[in-house]
Amino acid sequence: MDSIRDNLINECVDIMKREDIKNEIKSLFKPIINMLLKDIYPYILISMLFVIISFLLVLGIFILLIKYRI
């Protein structure tokens, strides 16, 4: 039973290694990935904005602490 499963897995891996199958899978998933990226793009921008704002706030606090020590 184990050898049948191993043989099946090996056959699937061999099929997936073929270049034409890779291209077919890419062409199949490309529209789905593009649609997902289009939907989450604003959220990516907002999260990047929050990261930049938090960096600036931490930098400001650091500068205030340096001025306070001197």
PDB file of N, CA and C in Angstrom:
ATOM      1  N   MET A   1       0.826  -1.200   0.000  1.00  0.00           N
ATOM      2  CA  MET A   1       0.000   0.000   0.000  1.00  0.00           C
ATOM      3  C   MET A   1       0.865   1.257   0.000  1.00  0.00           C
ATOM      4  N   ASP A   2       1.948   1.206   0.758  1.00  0.00           N
ATOM      5  CA  ASP A   2       2.838   2.363   0.828  1.00  0.00           C
ATOM      6  C   ASP A   2       3.548   2.609  -0.495  1.00  0.00           C
ATOM      7  N   SER A   3       3.921   1.537  -1.171  1.00  0.00           N
ATOM      8  CA  SER A   3       4.636   1.695  -2.438  1.00  0.00           C
ATOM      9  C   SER A   3       3.726   2.264  -3.527  1.00  0.00           C
ATOM     10  N   ILE A   4       2.457   1.906  -3.496  1.00  0.00           N
ATOM     11  CA  ILE A   4       1.508   2.451  -4.470  1.00  0.00           C
ATOM     12  C   ILE A   4       1.365   3.961  -4.266  1.00  0.00           C
ATOM     13  N   ARG A   5       1.263   4.358  -3.025  1.00  0.00           N
ATOM     14  CA  ARG A   5       1.143   5.783  -2.717  1.00  0.00           C
ATOM     15  C   ARG A   5       2.424   6.524  -3.103  1.00  0.00           C
ATOM     16  N   ASP A   6       3.568   5.949  -2.804  1.00  0.00           N
ATOM     17  CA  ASP A   6       4.840   6.571  -3.174  1.00  0.00           C
ATOM     18  C   ASP A   6       4.984   6.684  -4.686  1.00  0.00           C
ATOM     19  N   ASN A   7       4.576   5.628  -5.386  1.00  0.00           N
ATOM     20  CA  ASN A   7       4.633   5.672  -6.845  1.00  0.00           C
ATOM     21  C   ASN A   7       3.718   6.758  -7.405  1.00  0.00           C
ATOM     22  N   LEU A   8       2.543   6.873  -6.842  1.00  0.00           N
ATOM     23  CA  LEU A   8       1.602   7.906  -7.287  1.00  0.00           C
ATOM     24  C   LEU A   8       2.163   9.303  -7.034  1.00  0.00           C
ATOM     25  N   ILE A   9       2.735   9.488  -5.878  1.00  0.00           N
ATOM     26  CA  ILE A   9       3.318  10.789  -5.542  1.00  0.00           C
ATOM     27  C   ILE A   9       4.481  11.106  -6.471  1.00  0.00           C
ATOM     28  N   ASN A  10       5.314  10.115  -6.736  1.00  0.00           N
ATOM     29  CA  ASN A  10       6.445  10.331  -7.642  1.00  0.00           C
ATOM     30  C   ASN A  10       5.976  10.661  -9.055  1.00  0.00           C
ATOM     31  N   GLU A  11       4.940  10.004  -9.500  1.00  0.00           N
ATOM     32  CA  GLU A  11       4.391  10.304 -10.827  1.00  0.00           C
ATOM     33  C   GLU A  11       3.840  11.726 -10.892  1.00  0.00           C
ATOM     34  N   CYS A  12       3.156  12.128  -9.840  1.00  0.00           N
ATOM     35  CA  CYS A  12       2.610  13.493  -9.790  1.00  0.00           C
ATOM     36  C   CYS A  12       3.735  14.524  -9.795  1.00  0.00           C
ATOM     37  N   VAL A  13       4.784  14.259  -9.047  1.00  0.00           N
ATOM     38  CA  VAL A  13       5.921  15.180  -9.009  1.00  0.00           C
ATOM     39  C   VAL A  13       6.594  15.240 -10.373  1.00  0.00           C
ATOM     40  N   ASP A  14       6.739  14.112 -11.036  1.00  0.00           N
ATOM     41  CA  ASP A  14       7.336  14.095 -12.362  1.00  0.00           C
ATOM     42  C   ASP A  14       6.489  14.876 -13.369  1.00  0.00           C
ATOM     43  N   ILE A  15       5.180  14.754 -13.253  1.00  0.00           N
ATOM     44  CA  ILE A  15       4.293  15.506 -14.137  1.00  0.00           C
ATOM     45  C   ILE A  15       4.403  17.006 -13.858  1.00  0.00           C
ATOM     46  N   MET A  16       4.494  17.366 -12.593  1.00  0.00           N
ATOM     47  CA  MET A  16       4.583  18.782 -12.227  1.00  0.00           C
ATOM     48  C   MET A  16       5.919  19.402 -12.651  1.00  0.00           C
ATOM     49  N   LYS A  17       6.923  18.621 -12.859  1.00  0.00           N
ATOM     50  CA  LYS A  17       8.228  19.137 -13.270  1.00  0.00           C
ATOM     51  C   LYS A  17       8.275  19.485 -14.752  1.00  0.00           C
ATOM     52  N   ARG A  18       7.323  19.029 -15.511  1.00  0.00           N
ATOM     53  CA  ARG A  18       7.317  19.323 -16.937  1.00  0.00           C
ATOM     54  C   ARG A  18       7.023  20.801 -17.177  1.00  0.00           C
ATOM     55  N   GLU A  19       7.713  21.351 -18.137  1.00  0.00           N
ATOM     56  CA  GLU A  19       7.619  22.790 -18.384  1.00  0.00           C
ATOM     57  C   GLU A  19       6.245  23.205 -18.911  1.00  0.00           C
ATOM     58  N   ASP A  20       5.624  22.397 -19.744  1.00  0.00           N
ATOM     59  CA  ASP A  20       4.312  22.765 -20.272  1.00  0.00           C
ATOM     60  C   ASP A  20       3.240  22.747 -19.185  1.00  0.00           C
ATOM     61  N   ILE A  21       3.364  21.837 -18.248  1.00  0.00           N
ATOM     62  CA  ILE A  21       2.411  21.795 -17.133  1.00  0.00           C
ATOM     63  C   ILE A  21       2.603  23.022 -16.234  1.00  0.00           C
ATOM     64  N   LYS A  22       3.853  23.402 -16.008  1.00  0.00           N
ATOM     65  CA  LYS A  22       4.116  24.609 -15.209  1.00  0.00           C
ATOM     66  C   LYS A  22       3.493  25.835 -15.853  1.00  0.00           C
ATOM     67  N   ASN A  23       3.648  25.940 -17.161  1.00  0.00           N
ATOM     68  CA  ASN A  23       3.073  27.089 -17.870  1.00  0.00           C
ATOM     69  C   ASN A  23       1.550  27.085 -17.815  1.00  0.00           C
ATOM     70  N   GLU A  24       0.950  25.915 -17.903  1.00  0.00           N
ATOM     71  CA  GLU A  24      -0.511  25.826 -17.810  1.00  0.00           C
ATOM     72  C   GLU A  24      -1.002  26.240 -16.421  1.00  0.00           C
ATOM     73  N   ILE A  25      -0.309  25.804 -15.399  1.00  0.00           N
ATOM     74  CA  ILE A  25      -0.700  26.175 -14.027  1.00  0.00           C
ATOM     75  C   ILE A  25      -0.551  27.673 -13.822  1.00  0.00           C
ATOM     76  N   LYS A  26       0.536  28.245 -14.336  1.00  0.00           N
ATOM     77  CA  LYS A  26       0.734  29.693 -14.233  1.00  0.00           C
ATOM     78  C   LYS A  26      -0.377  30.454 -14.939  1.00  0.00           C
ATOM     79  N   SER A  27      -0.704  30.014 -16.139  1.00  0.00           N
ATOM     80  CA  SER A  27      -1.756  30.715 -16.875  1.00  0.00           C
ATOM     81  C   SER A  27      -3.124  30.535 -16.228  1.00  0.00           C
ATOM     82  N   LEU A  28      -3.311  29.444 -15.519  1.00  0.00           N
ATOM     83  CA  LEU A  28      -4.572  29.214 -14.823  1.00  0.00           C
ATOM     84  C   LEU A  28      -4.713  30.119 -13.598  1.00  0.00           C
ATOM     85  N   PHE A  29      -3.640  30.290 -12.853  1.00  0.00           N
ATOM     86  CA  PHE A  29      -3.716  31.049 -11.606  1.00  0.00           C
ATOM     87  C   PHE A  29      -3.434  32.536 -11.767  1.00  0.00           C
ATOM     88  N   LYS A  30      -2.920  32.959 -12.910  1.00  0.00           N
ATOM     89  CA  LYS A  30      -2.584  34.365 -13.104  1.00  0.00           C
ATOM     90  C   LYS A  30      -3.788  35.303 -12.942  1.00  0.00           C
ATOM     91  N   PRO A  31      -4.943  35.021 -13.543  1.00  0.00           N
ATOM     92  CA  PRO A  31      -6.089  35.926 -13.337  1.00  0.00           C
ATOM     93  C   PRO A  31      -6.569  35.965 -11.886  1.00  0.00           C
ATOM     94  N   ILE A  32      -6.501  34.831 -11.213  1.00  0.00           N
ATOM     95  CA  ILE A  32      -6.940  34.786  -9.812  1.00  0.00           C
ATOM     96  C   ILE A  32      -6.022  35.638  -8.945  1.00  0.00           C
ATOM     97  N   ILE A  33      -4.722  35.502  -9.154  1.00  0.00           N
ATOM     98  CA  ILE A  33      -3.768  36.275  -8.363  1.00  0.00           C
ATOM     99  C   ILE A  33      -3.884  37.762  -8.673  1.00  0.00           C
ATOM    100  N   ASN A  34      -4.070  38.110  -9.936  1.00  0.00           N
ATOM    101  CA  ASN A  34      -4.239  39.519 -10.297  1.00  0.00           C
ATOM    102  C   ASN A  34      -5.486  40.114  -9.652  1.00  0.00           C
ATOM    103  N   MET A  35      -6.566  39.348  -9.616  1.00  0.00           N
ATOM    104  CA  MET A  35      -7.790  39.828  -9.000  1.00  0.00           C
ATOM    105  C   MET A  35      -7.596  40.042  -7.499  1.00  0.00           C
ATOM    106  N   LEU A  36      -6.928  39.090  -6.847  1.00  0.00           N
ATOM    107  CA  LEU A  36      -6.667  39.227  -5.418  1.00  0.00           C
ATOM    108  C   LEU A  36      -5.777  40.430  -5.118  1.00  0.00           C
ATOM    109  N   LEU A  37      -4.741  40.613  -5.922  1.00  0.00           N
ATOM    110  CA  LEU A  37      -3.860  41.761  -5.706  1.00  0.00           C
ATOM    111  C   LEU A  37      -4.595  43.073  -5.929  1.00  0.00           C
ATOM    112  N   LYS A  38      -5.472  43.113  -6.909  1.00  0.00           N
ATOM    113  CA  LYS A  38      -6.243  44.325  -7.155  1.00  0.00           C
ATOM    114  C   LYS A  38      -7.155  44.634  -5.963  1.00  0.00           C
ATOM    115  N   ASP A  39      -7.704  43.593  -5.337  1.00  0.00           N
ATOM    116  CA  ASP A  39      -8.595  43.797  -4.200  1.00  0.00           C
ATOM    117  C   ASP A  39      -7.858  44.205  -2.933  1.00  0.00           C
ATOM    118  N   ILE A  40      -6.655  43.678  -2.717  1.00  0.00           N
ATOM    119  CA  ILE A  40      -5.965  43.982  -1.460  1.00  0.00           C
ATOM    120  C   ILE A  40      -4.951  45.115  -1.588  1.00  0.00           C
ATOM    121  N   TYR A  41      -4.787  45.675  -2.772  1.00  0.00           N
ATOM    122  CA  TYR A  41      -3.822  46.742  -2.977  1.00  0.00           C
ATOM    123  C   TYR A  41      -4.047  47.944  -2.044  1.00  0.00           C
ATOM    124  N   PRO A  42      -5.275  48.439  -1.866  1.00  0.00           N
ATOM    125  CA  PRO A  42      -5.456  49.565  -0.932  1.00  0.00           C
ATOM    126  C   PRO A  42      -5.053  49.219   0.500  1.00  0.00           C
ATOM    127  N   TYR A  43      -5.300  47.990   0.919  1.00  0.00           N
ATOM    128  CA  TYR A  43      -4.934  47.596   2.270  1.00  0.00           C
ATOM    129  C   TYR A  43      -3.420  47.522   2.441  1.00  0.00           C
ATOM    130  N   ILE A  44      -2.729  47.139   1.382  1.00  0.00           N
ATOM    131  CA  ILE A  44      -1.269  47.124   1.430  1.00  0.00           C
ATOM    132  C   ILE A  44      -0.744  48.545   1.578  1.00  0.00           C
ATOM    133  N   LEU A  45      -1.310  49.474   0.833  1.00  0.00           N
ATOM    134  CA  LEU A  45      -0.884  50.868   0.926  1.00  0.00           C
ATOM    135  C   LEU A  45      -1.165  51.447   2.302  1.00  0.00           C
ATOM    136  N   ILE A  46      -2.335  51.158   2.850  1.00  0.00           N
ATOM    137  CA  ILE A  46      -2.683  51.669   4.181  1.00  0.00           C
ATOM    138  C   ILE A  46      -1.743  51.098   5.236  1.00  0.00           C
ATOM    139  N   SER A  47      -1.429  49.824   5.156  1.00  0.00           N
ATOM    140  CA  SER A  47      -0.521  49.231   6.140  1.00  0.00           C
ATOM    141  C   SER A  47       0.881  49.814   6.008  1.00  0.00           C
ATOM    142  N   MET A  48       1.322  50.087   4.776  1.00  0.00           N
ATOM    143  CA  MET A  48       2.624  50.730   4.605  1.00  0.00           C
ATOM    144  C   MET A  48       2.621  52.131   5.186  1.00  0.00           C
ATOM    145  N   LEU A  49       1.522  52.846   5.033  1.00  0.00           N
ATOM    146  CA  LEU A  49       1.395  54.177   5.615  1.00  0.00           C
ATOM    147  C   LEU A  49       1.478  54.111   7.138  1.00  0.00           C
ATOM    148  N   PHE A  50       0.816  53.139   7.744  1.00  0.00           N
ATOM    149  CA  PHE A  50       0.882  52.981   9.194  1.00  0.00           C
ATOM    150  C   PHE A  50       2.291  52.650   9.667  1.00  0.00           C
ATOM    151  N   VAL A  51       3.011  51.856   8.912  1.00  0.00           N
ATOM    152  CA  VAL A  51       4.388  51.518   9.280  1.00  0.00           C
ATOM    153  C   VAL A  51       5.263  52.766   9.231  1.00  0.00           C
ATOM    154  N   ILE A  52       5.097  53.583   8.200  1.00  0.00           N
ATOM    155  CA  ILE A  52       5.890  54.808   8.083  1.00  0.00           C
ATOM    156  C   ILE A  52       5.552  55.777   9.207  1.00  0.00           C
ATOM    157  N   ILE A  53       4.268  55.915   9.514  1.00  0.00           N
ATOM    158  CA  ILE A  53       3.859  56.822  10.593  1.00  0.00           C
ATOM    159  C   ILE A  53       4.398  56.342  11.938  1.00  0.00           C
ATOM    160  N   SER A  54       4.332  55.053  12.195  1.00  0.00           N
ATOM    161  CA  SER A  54       4.846  54.548  13.474  1.00  0.00           C
ATOM    162  C   SER A  54       6.357  54.715  13.551  1.00  0.00           C
ATOM    163  N   PHE A  55       7.064  54.539  12.424  1.00  0.00           N
ATOM    164  CA  PHE A  55       8.507  54.774  12.421  1.00  0.00           C
ATOM    165  C   PHE A  55       8.816  56.222  12.749  1.00  0.00           C
ATOM    166  N   LEU A  56       8.068  57.150  12.146  1.00  0.00           N
ATOM    167  CA  LEU A  56       8.303  58.565  12.421  1.00  0.00           C
ATOM    168  C   LEU A  56       7.997  58.908  13.878  1.00  0.00           C
ATOM    169  N   LEU A  57       6.963  58.316  14.443  1.00  0.00           N
ATOM    170  CA  LEU A  57       6.646  58.562  15.850  1.00  0.00           C
ATOM    171  C   LEU A  57       7.744  58.040  16.771  1.00  0.00           C
ATOM    172  N   VAL A  58       8.242  56.860  16.513  1.00  0.00           N
ATOM    173  CA  VAL A  58       9.324  56.297  17.325  1.00  0.00           C
ATOM    174  C   VAL A  58      10.585  57.132  17.159  1.00  0.00           C
ATOM    175  N   LEU A  59      10.866  57.592  15.948  1.00  0.00           N
ATOM    176  CA  LEU A  59      12.024  58.448  15.722  1.00  0.00           C
ATOM    177  C   LEU A  59      11.880  59.767  16.481  1.00  0.00           C
ATOM    178  N   GLY A  60      10.682  60.335  16.479  1.00  0.00           N
ATOM    179  CA  GLY A  60      10.446  61.569  17.234  1.00  0.00           C
ATOM    180  C   GLY A  60      10.625  61.367  18.725  1.00  0.00           C
ATOM    181  N   ILE A  61      10.144  60.277  19.250  1.00  0.00           N
ATOM    182  CA  ILE A  61      10.319  59.980  20.673  1.00  0.00           C
ATOM    183  C   ILE A  61      11.791  59.804  20.992  1.00  0.00           C
ATOM    184  N   PHE A  62      12.521  59.129  20.116  1.00  0.00           N
ATOM    185  CA  PHE A  62      13.949  58.938  20.321  1.00  0.00           C
ATOM    186  C   PHE A  62      14.679  60.274  20.343  1.00  0.00           C
ATOM    187  N   ILE A  63      14.329  61.184  19.425  1.00  0.00           N
ATOM    188  CA  ILE A  63      14.970  62.518  19.388  1.00  0.00           C
ATOM    189  C   ILE A  63      14.627  63.279  20.645  1.00  0.00           C
ATOM    190  N   LEU A  64      13.388  63.213  21.106  1.00  0.00           N
ATOM    191  CA  LEU A  64      13.022  63.910  22.349  1.00  0.00           C
ATOM    192  C   LEU A  64      13.787  63.350  23.544  1.00  0.00           C
ATOM    193  N   LEU A  65      13.977  62.049  23.590  1.00  0.00           N
ATOM    194  CA  LEU A  65      14.751  61.461  24.695  1.00  0.00           C
ATOM    195  C   LEU A  65      16.210  61.879  24.653  1.00  0.00           C
ATOM    196  N   ILE A  66      16.763  61.978  23.464  1.00  0.00           N
ATOM    197  CA  ILE A  66      18.170  62.424  23.330  1.00  0.00           C
ATOM    198  C   ILE A  66      18.279  63.878  23.775  1.00  0.00           C
ATOM    199  N   LYS A  67      17.340  64.742  23.374  1.00  0.00           N
ATOM    200  CA  LYS A  67      17.377  66.151  23.796  1.00  0.00           C
ATOM    201  C   LYS A  67      17.198  66.295  25.294  1.00  0.00           C
ATOM    202  N   TYR A  68      16.356  65.446  25.884  1.00  0.00           N
ATOM    203  CA  TYR A  68      16.104  65.514  27.320  1.00  0.00           C
ATOM    204  C   TYR A  68      17.352  65.123  28.106  1.00  0.00           C
ATOM    205  N   ARG A  69      18.091  64.130  27.623  1.00  0.00           N
ATOM    206  CA  ARG A  69      19.307  63.686  28.321  1.00  0.00           C
ATOM    207  C   ARG A  69      20.394  64.729  28.244  1.00  0.00           C
ATOM    208  N   ILE A  70      20.469  65.467  27.166  1.00  0.00           N
ATOM    209  CA  ILE A  70      21.523  66.478  27.015  1.00  0.00           C
ATOM    210  C   ILE A  70      21.073  67.746  27.670  1.00  0.00           C
TER     211      ILE A  70
END
